[in-house]
Amino acid sequence: MLGREVVIDRKVTQENIYGGRVEGNGTATSNAVRINNASVKNVIGGVVNVGDTSTVVSSNIVRIVGGKVEGEVYGGKCFQRGKVDGNEVEIINAYIKGDVYGGRIESNNEGATERIVRENKVSIEGGGVEGNVYGGSGPGGGNVVELKGSPKFGKETMIFGGGRGGILNIETQGQIVVSGITDFENYNFNKVRVNEPAKIKVVGTSKYMMGFWKVDLEKAVVVVVGKAEGEVKEGDRVNLIEAEDGVTQAKSIEMYKGSGLVKLIHERIGTQKELSLKIKGQEATPQAQKINEVGATGLIVVGQGLGFLAEKGIEEAVGAVKGKRGVEVFVGVEGESSKYKSGIEMSIEGVRAVGGIAKSMKEGEVVIGGYVEHG
């Protein structure tokens, strides 16, 4: 099933809404379901009901804006075996009663090796989810969960990355509260403000997920980017995660201000039940230094171009019309090889040319014309 789109803008009583559905084995790719302020039961972007090693469920999209889903939501799904990748669920100010999956392989054979669930994504902006949220469910990696605005979650909601390299992007307003977070290796906190409550509070109330209440960052890279506006000073505190059962030491933590060109030097503070950072200073990143260097080099290049135009172009134009009254064509060519240093070393080699037409308004006094310059 390829490229089918379903749009729902009213209450629908049927059990499942599919973008693309294959009853036997096959592929379901590039299908879409769009729900606009409607009430439905279950939503699936693309599904193959009988999976084997050749099954592909890819690039399907579910977008829900407003309204309510009484059951579950899947970007892409298959059974037993196959590849489920690049599917996406986007939820904006809608309420979902059941679980949400970017991609899933539903299998009763946990030992099957022919299953790949990777690079699927769930994005939730505002609204709420009563069930669990899975970037991906099944062997694979690189699945993404993105939280924006002020979404609300059920008292037992778990947030799962799904496989290696799971990514959690947090760009929320205020604090979000969940039962647990697990299976992520990248935590990206965006537009964080200093001296505010933790962005995530883990309360550990799920009776089904014992042991996942501690937030394990042992293999995780944490990147924090603060808001561009406002002053950030030494001693300010950035509160990221609060968990009753604890937050382990992260593999690495990087913190930046605004556009990411200023790196904030920090240290972890507080108890083991929180991930909080104290700002100790700031420094320019290598990228910022490189921009400064390239900027200086750019002045050299522009200056060279203007110099060539002013000298060679005018020289040739004047020479072409000297002693003449009509319109004349002129061409100037020059080769060069130059080296400059402005923090980085740059070599310029090549040929530059300028050409155009010129006319003398009065012999020996004024020359006008148009030109084209290259190099």
Protein backbone atom coordinates (compact mmCIF):
# COMPACT_ATOMS: atom_id res chain seq x y z
CA MET A 1 0.00 0.00 0.00
CA LEU A 2 1.64 3.22 -1.15
CA GLY A 3 0.76 6.88 -0.81
CA ARG A 4 -2.81 6.69 0.52
CA GLU A 5 -4.16 9.59 2.61
CA VAL A 6 -7.17 9.59 4.92
CA VAL A 7 -8.58 12.79 6.44
CA ILE A 8 -11.10 12.65 9.31
CA ASP A 9 -12.86 15.78 10.55
CA ARG A 10 -15.90 14.28 12.33
CA LYS A 11 -16.73 11.56 14.83
CA VAL A 12 -16.12 8.06 13.41
CA THR A 13 -17.50 4.89 15.01
CA GLN A 14 -15.46 2.26 13.14
CA GLU A 15 -12.84 0.43 15.20
CA ASN A 16 -9.65 1.35 13.28
CA ILE A 17 -8.64 4.19 10.97
CA TYR A 18 -5.84 3.14 8.57
CA GLY A 19 -3.71 5.22 6.24
CA GLY A 20 -2.47 2.10 4.47
CA ARG A 21 -3.22 -1.54 5.29
CA VAL A 22 -1.87 -4.79 3.83
CA GLU A 23 -3.73 -7.94 4.93
CA GLY A 24 -1.01 -10.39 3.93
CA ASN A 25 2.71 -9.80 3.59
CA GLY A 26 4.03 -6.79 1.73
CA THR A 27 4.91 -3.13 2.20
CA ALA A 28 3.04 -0.13 3.58
CA THR A 29 4.87 3.11 2.82
CA SER A 30 4.19 6.83 2.61
CA ASN A 31 0.60 6.65 3.82
CA ALA A 32 -1.03 9.31 6.02
CA VAL A 33 -3.90 9.80 8.42
CA ARG A 34 -4.92 13.31 9.42
CA ILE A 35 -7.40 13.82 12.26
CA ASN A 36 -8.80 17.33 12.69
CA ASN A 37 -10.86 17.96 15.84
CA ALA A 38 -12.56 14.58 15.49
CA SER A 39 -13.33 11.66 17.80
CA VAL A 40 -12.03 8.23 16.73
CA LYS A 41 -11.02 4.90 18.29
CA ASN A 42 -7.66 3.60 16.97
CA VAL A 43 -5.39 5.23 14.37
CA ILE A 44 -2.65 3.50 12.33
CA GLY A 45 -0.61 5.25 9.65
CA GLY A 46 0.55 2.06 7.95
CA VAL A 47 0.28 -1.64 8.86
CA VAL A 48 1.19 -5.04 7.42
CA ASN A 49 -0.73 -7.82 9.15
CA VAL A 50 1.58 -10.73 8.23
CA GLY A 51 5.26 -9.95 8.59
CA ASP A 52 8.40 -11.70 7.35
CA THR A 53 11.95 -10.59 6.54
CA SER A 54 10.81 -8.74 3.40
CA THR A 55 8.09 -6.71 5.18
CA VAL A 56 8.60 -2.94 5.15
CA VAL A 57 6.47 -0.37 6.98
CA SER A 58 8.07 2.98 6.32
CA SER A 59 7.48 6.75 6.14
CA ASN A 60 3.87 6.65 7.28
CA ILE A 61 2.44 9.68 9.10
CA VAL A 62 -0.33 10.22 11.63
CA ARG A 63 -1.19 13.83 12.47
CA ILE A 64 -3.84 14.56 15.08
CA VAL A 65 -4.84 18.16 15.74
CA GLY A 66 -7.45 18.58 18.44
CA GLY A 67 -10.11 15.98 19.13
CA LYS A 68 -9.83 12.65 20.93
CA VAL A 69 -8.59 9.11 20.31
CA GLU A 70 -10.23 6.54 22.56
CA GLY A 71 -7.69 3.82 21.80
CA GLU A 72 -4.10 3.62 20.49
CA VAL A 73 -2.08 5.46 17.86
CA TYR A 74 0.64 3.95 15.62
CA GLY A 75 2.76 5.64 12.99
CA GLY A 76 3.70 2.24 11.55
CA LYS A 77 3.15 -1.33 12.66
CA CYS A 78 3.67 -4.94 11.57
CA PHE A 79 3.54 -8.39 13.17
CA GLN A 80 6.25 -10.95 13.97
CA ARG A 81 9.03 -9.82 11.58
CA GLY A 82 10.00 -7.02 9.23
CA LYS A 83 11.36 -3.49 9.18
CA VAL A 84 9.43 -0.55 10.66
CA ASP A 85 11.31 2.69 10.13
CA GLY A 86 10.86 6.40 9.55
CA ASN A 87 7.23 6.52 10.67
CA GLU A 88 5.88 9.51 12.57
CA VAL A 89 3.06 10.47 14.92
CA GLU A 90 2.35 14.14 15.60
CA ILE A 91 -0.16 15.10 18.28
CA ILE A 92 -1.16 18.74 18.77
CA ASN A 93 -3.61 19.70 21.52
CA ALA A 94 -5.38 16.34 21.31
CA TYR A 95 -6.24 13.76 23.98
CA ILE A 96 -5.11 10.13 23.56
CA LYS A 97 -6.53 7.58 25.97
CA GLY A 98 -4.31 4.64 24.97
CA ASP A 99 -0.65 4.12 24.07
CA VAL A 100 1.20 6.02 21.33
CA TYR A 101 3.86 4.36 19.12
CA GLY A 102 6.06 5.90 16.45
CA GLY A 103 6.72 2.38 15.20
CA ARG A 104 6.10 -1.13 16.51
CA ILE A 105 6.64 -4.78 15.65
CA GLU A 106 4.12 -6.76 17.64
CA SER A 107 5.57 -10.20 18.24
CA ASN A 108 5.19 -13.10 20.66
CA ASN A 109 8.63 -14.30 19.60
CA GLU A 110 10.97 -12.05 21.53
CA GLY A 111 14.00 -14.00 20.23
CA ALA A 112 13.32 -13.19 16.57
CA THR A 113 16.32 -11.49 14.98
CA GLU A 114 14.60 -10.39 11.77
CA ARG A 115 12.98 -7.36 13.42
CA ILE A 116 14.09 -3.76 13.01
CA VAL A 117 12.33 -0.75 14.52
CA ARG A 118 14.36 2.38 13.94
CA GLU A 119 14.20 6.14 13.42
CA ASN A 120 10.51 6.44 14.17
CA LYS A 121 9.21 9.55 15.93
CA VAL A 122 6.46 10.69 18.28
CA SER A 123 5.92 14.43 18.72
CA ILE A 124 3.48 15.70 21.35
CA GLU A 125 2.66 19.38 21.66
CA GLY A 126 0.13 20.24 24.32
CA GLY A 127 -2.90 18.01 24.84
CA GLY A 128 -2.49 14.81 26.81
CA VAL A 129 -1.74 11.09 26.71
CA GLU A 130 -3.19 8.70 29.28
CA GLY A 131 -1.21 5.66 28.13
CA ASN A 132 2.49 5.07 27.45
CA VAL A 133 4.57 6.78 24.76
CA TYR A 134 7.05 4.78 22.62
CA GLY A 135 9.40 6.27 20.07
CA GLY A 136 9.75 2.68 18.89
CA SER A 137 8.89 -0.76 20.25
CA GLY A 138 11.11 -3.60 19.06
CA PRO A 139 14.83 -4.13 18.29
CA GLY A 140 16.49 -1.20 16.52
CA GLY A 141 17.48 2.31 17.51
CA GLY A 142 17.47 6.02 16.81
CA ASN A 143 13.80 6.42 17.70
CA VAL A 144 12.68 9.86 18.87
CA VAL A 145 10.19 11.27 21.37
CA GLU A 146 9.66 15.02 21.26
CA LEU A 147 7.66 16.94 23.88
CA LYS A 148 6.59 20.56 23.40
CA GLY A 149 4.23 23.02 24.99
CA SER A 150 2.52 21.77 28.15
CA PRO A 151 1.35 18.19 27.56
CA LYS A 152 -0.32 16.28 30.40
CA PHE A 153 0.24 12.57 31.06
CA GLY A 154 -1.53 9.86 33.01
CA LYS A 155 -0.36 8.96 36.51
CA GLU A 156 1.17 5.71 35.16
CA THR A 157 2.52 6.99 31.83
CA MET A 158 5.98 5.74 30.86
CA ILE A 159 8.11 7.36 28.13
CA PHE A 160 10.19 4.82 26.14
CA GLY A 161 12.88 5.53 23.55
CA GLY A 162 13.09 2.07 22.02
CA GLY A 163 16.47 0.53 21.26
CA ARG A 164 19.95 2.00 21.02
CA GLY A 165 20.44 5.69 20.44
CA GLY A 166 16.97 6.76 21.56
CA ILE A 167 16.48 10.53 21.53
CA LEU A 168 14.31 12.56 23.91
CA ASN A 169 13.78 16.20 22.93
CA ILE A 170 12.28 18.42 25.63
CA GLU A 171 10.99 21.88 24.71
CA THR A 172 8.16 22.20 27.18
CA GLN A 173 6.72 25.10 29.12
CA GLY A 174 6.75 24.40 32.83
CA GLN A 175 7.19 20.96 34.33
CA ILE A 176 5.91 17.68 32.87
CA VAL A 177 5.12 14.79 35.21
CA VAL A 178 5.43 11.11 34.19
CA SER A 179 5.73 7.78 35.96
CA GLY A 180 9.04 6.90 34.32
CA ILE A 181 11.52 7.50 31.48
CA THR A 182 13.76 4.82 30.00
CA ASP A 183 15.63 3.62 26.92
CA PHE A 184 17.15 6.94 25.81
CA GLU A 185 20.79 7.68 25.08
CA ASN A 186 20.33 11.32 24.10
CA TYR A 187 18.49 13.92 26.17
CA ASN A 188 18.13 17.34 24.51
CA PHE A 189 16.68 20.12 26.66
CA ASN A 190 15.85 23.22 24.62
CA LYS A 191 14.87 26.75 25.71
CA VAL A 192 15.63 26.03 29.35
CA ARG A 193 15.38 28.86 31.86
CA VAL A 194 17.54 29.17 34.95
CA ASN A 195 16.30 28.92 38.53
CA GLU A 196 13.02 27.21 37.65
CA PRO A 197 11.57 23.79 38.68
CA ALA A 198 12.90 20.68 36.95
CA LYS A 199 11.68 20.20 33.38
CA ILE A 200 10.77 16.55 34.08
CA LYS A 201 9.42 15.07 37.31
CA VAL A 202 9.43 11.26 37.56
CA VAL A 203 7.00 10.07 40.20
CA GLY A 204 7.33 6.27 39.80
CA THR A 205 3.69 5.30 40.16
CA SER A 206 3.35 2.71 37.38
CA LYS A 207 2.46 -0.64 38.94
CA TYR A 208 3.49 -2.43 35.72
CA MET A 209 7.01 -1.03 35.31
CA MET A 210 8.80 -1.76 38.57
CA GLY A 211 12.51 -0.97 38.38
CA PHE A 212 12.25 1.75 35.71
CA TRP A 213 11.59 4.60 38.11
CA LYS A 214 15.25 5.51 38.52
CA VAL A 215 16.37 7.64 35.57
CA ASP A 216 19.45 5.88 34.20
CA LEU A 217 21.77 8.29 32.36
CA GLU A 218 24.86 6.07 32.49
CA LYS A 219 25.02 5.79 28.68
CA ALA A 220 23.32 9.11 27.98
CA VAL A 221 24.57 12.31 26.43
CA VAL A 222 22.68 15.31 27.84
CA VAL A 223 22.65 18.58 25.87
CA VAL A 224 21.08 21.71 27.36
CA VAL A 225 20.40 24.90 25.40
CA GLY A 226 19.11 27.93 27.28
CA LYS A 227 16.84 30.65 25.92
CA ALA A 228 18.60 33.34 23.94
CA GLU A 229 17.10 36.26 25.82
CA GLY A 230 18.01 37.24 29.37
CA GLU A 231 21.23 37.21 31.32
CA VAL A 232 22.85 34.00 32.53
CA LYS A 233 25.28 34.55 35.36
CA GLU A 234 27.63 32.53 37.51
CA GLY A 235 25.79 30.75 40.30
CA ASP A 236 22.52 30.34 38.38
CA ARG A 237 20.94 26.92 38.65
CA VAL A 238 19.47 24.79 35.84
CA ASN A 239 17.08 22.07 37.04
CA LEU A 240 16.44 19.30 34.52
CA ILE A 241 15.17 16.06 36.12
CA GLU A 242 13.67 15.24 39.50
CA ALA A 243 13.11 11.55 40.35
CA GLU A 244 12.16 10.03 43.69
CA ASP A 245 14.21 6.89 42.99
CA GLY A 246 17.23 8.82 41.78
CA VAL A 247 19.09 10.03 38.67
CA THR A 248 22.39 8.34 37.80
CA GLN A 249 25.51 10.12 36.58
CA ALA A 250 25.32 10.96 32.87
CA LYS A 251 27.93 9.85 30.36
CA SER A 252 28.39 13.51 29.42
CA ILE A 253 26.58 16.83 29.84
CA GLU A 254 26.99 19.87 27.61
CA MET A 255 25.26 23.19 28.19
CA TYR A 256 24.99 26.15 25.81
CA LYS A 257 23.41 29.57 25.77
CA GLY A 258 21.02 30.80 23.10
CA SER A 259 22.16 29.87 19.59
CA GLY A 260 24.69 27.37 20.94
CA LEU A 261 27.77 29.52 20.26
CA VAL A 262 28.45 30.14 23.97
CA LYS A 263 29.28 27.14 26.12
CA LEU A 264 28.31 27.29 29.79
CA ILE A 265 30.77 25.77 32.23
CA HIS A 266 28.88 23.91 34.95
CA GLU A 267 28.95 21.37 37.77
CA ARG A 268 26.31 18.95 39.01
CA ILE A 269 24.81 19.93 42.34
CA GLY A 270 22.01 18.82 44.64
CA THR A 271 21.07 15.29 45.69
CA GLN A 272 21.12 12.02 43.77
CA LYS A 273 17.37 12.43 43.27
CA GLU A 274 17.85 15.25 40.81
CA LEU A 275 19.84 16.37 37.81
CA SER A 276 20.64 20.00 38.54
CA LEU A 277 23.52 22.06 37.22
CA LYS A 278 25.22 25.16 38.60
CA ILE A 279 26.70 27.62 36.11
CA LYS A 280 30.34 28.47 36.83
CA GLY A 281 31.24 30.52 33.77
CA GLN A 282 31.05 30.66 29.99
CA GLU A 283 33.30 30.48 26.93
CA ALA A 284 33.05 30.75 23.16
CA THR A 285 32.67 27.45 21.32
CA PRO A 286 35.07 26.43 18.50
CA GLN A 287 32.20 27.13 16.08
CA ALA A 288 31.95 30.72 17.32
CA GLN A 289 35.70 31.16 16.92
CA LYS A 290 35.52 29.71 13.41
CA ILE A 291 32.74 32.16 12.46
CA ASN A 292 34.90 35.06 13.62
CA GLU A 293 37.82 33.75 11.59
CA VAL A 294 35.75 33.15 8.46
CA GLY A 295 34.26 36.62 8.86
CA ALA A 296 37.73 38.16 8.82
CA THR A 297 38.72 36.03 5.82
CA GLY A 298 35.55 37.07 4.00
CA LEU A 299 36.66 40.71 4.28
CA ILE A 300 39.91 39.77 2.57
CA VAL A 301 38.12 38.03 -0.31
CA VAL A 302 35.60 40.84 -0.79
CA GLY A 303 38.39 43.38 -0.59
CA GLN A 304 40.37 41.55 -3.27
CA GLY A 305 37.35 41.43 -5.58
CA LEU A 306 36.66 45.13 -5.19
CA GLY A 307 40.31 45.95 -5.70
CA PHE A 308 40.47 43.96 -8.94
CA LEU A 309 37.29 45.60 -10.23
CA ALA A 310 38.49 49.08 -9.35
CA GLU A 311 41.95 48.66 -10.82
CA LYS A 312 41.77 46.22 -13.74
CA GLY A 313 38.19 46.94 -14.79
CA ILE A 314 38.54 50.70 -14.90
CA GLU A 315 41.95 50.46 -16.55
CA GLU A 316 40.55 48.33 -19.39
CA ALA A 317 37.41 50.44 -19.78
CA VAL A 318 39.37 53.68 -20.10
CA GLY A 319 41.80 52.07 -22.51
CA ALA A 320 39.01 50.77 -24.72
CA VAL A 321 37.39 54.20 -25.33
CA LYS A 322 40.47 56.37 -25.29
CA GLY A 323 40.35 58.62 -28.32
CA LYS A 324 37.00 57.20 -29.44
CA ARG A 325 33.37 58.37 -29.36
CA GLY A 326 31.44 55.14 -29.82
CA VAL A 327 30.55 52.25 -27.50
CA GLU A 328 33.44 49.83 -27.06
CA VAL A 329 33.82 46.36 -25.52
CA PHE A 330 36.51 45.76 -22.89
CA VAL A 331 37.89 42.65 -21.20
CA GLY A 332 40.41 42.29 -18.38
CA VAL A 333 41.96 39.00 -17.18
CA GLU A 334 44.30 38.40 -14.27
CA GLY A 335 45.75 35.30 -12.60
CA GLU A 336 46.66 35.04 -8.91
CA SER A 337 47.93 32.85 -6.12
CA SER A 338 47.58 34.21 -2.58
CA LYS A 339 47.66 32.90 1.00
CA TYR A 340 46.11 34.49 4.07
CA LYS A 341 45.97 33.73 7.76
CA SER A 342 43.19 34.91 10.07
CA GLY A 343 43.16 32.21 12.72
CA ILE A 344 42.65 29.72 9.87
CA GLU A 345 44.87 29.54 6.81
CA MET A 346 43.25 30.08 3.41
CA SER A 347 44.73 29.74 -0.04
CA ILE A 348 43.24 31.55 -3.05
CA GLU A 349 44.30 30.42 -6.51
CA GLY A 350 42.70 31.02 -9.87
CA VAL A 351 41.84 33.45 -12.63
CA ARG A 352 39.61 36.52 -12.42
CA ALA A 353 38.04 38.30 -15.34
CA VAL A 354 35.99 41.44 -15.87
CA GLY A 355 34.29 42.51 -19.08
CA GLY A 356 31.66 44.91 -20.33
CA ILE A 357 30.92 47.91 -22.49
CA ALA A 358 32.07 51.51 -22.08
CA LYS A 359 31.45 54.90 -23.69
CA SER A 360 33.31 58.15 -23.27
CA MET A 361 31.08 61.14 -22.55
CA LYS A 362 33.92 63.51 -23.32
CA GLU A 363 37.31 62.47 -24.51
CA GLY A 364 39.79 62.11 -21.67
CA GLU A 365 37.32 62.99 -18.90
CA VAL A 366 34.36 60.69 -18.09
CA VAL A 367 33.76 57.00 -18.90
CA ILE A 368 30.45 55.17 -18.27
CA GLY A 369 29.60 51.49 -18.85
CA GLY A 370 28.32 48.17 -17.57
CA TYR A 371 30.39 45.19 -16.47
CA VAL A 372 30.39 41.51 -15.50
CA GLU A 373 33.03 40.23 -13.09
CA HIS A 374 34.01 36.58 -12.36
CA GLY A 375 36.50 35.03 -9.98
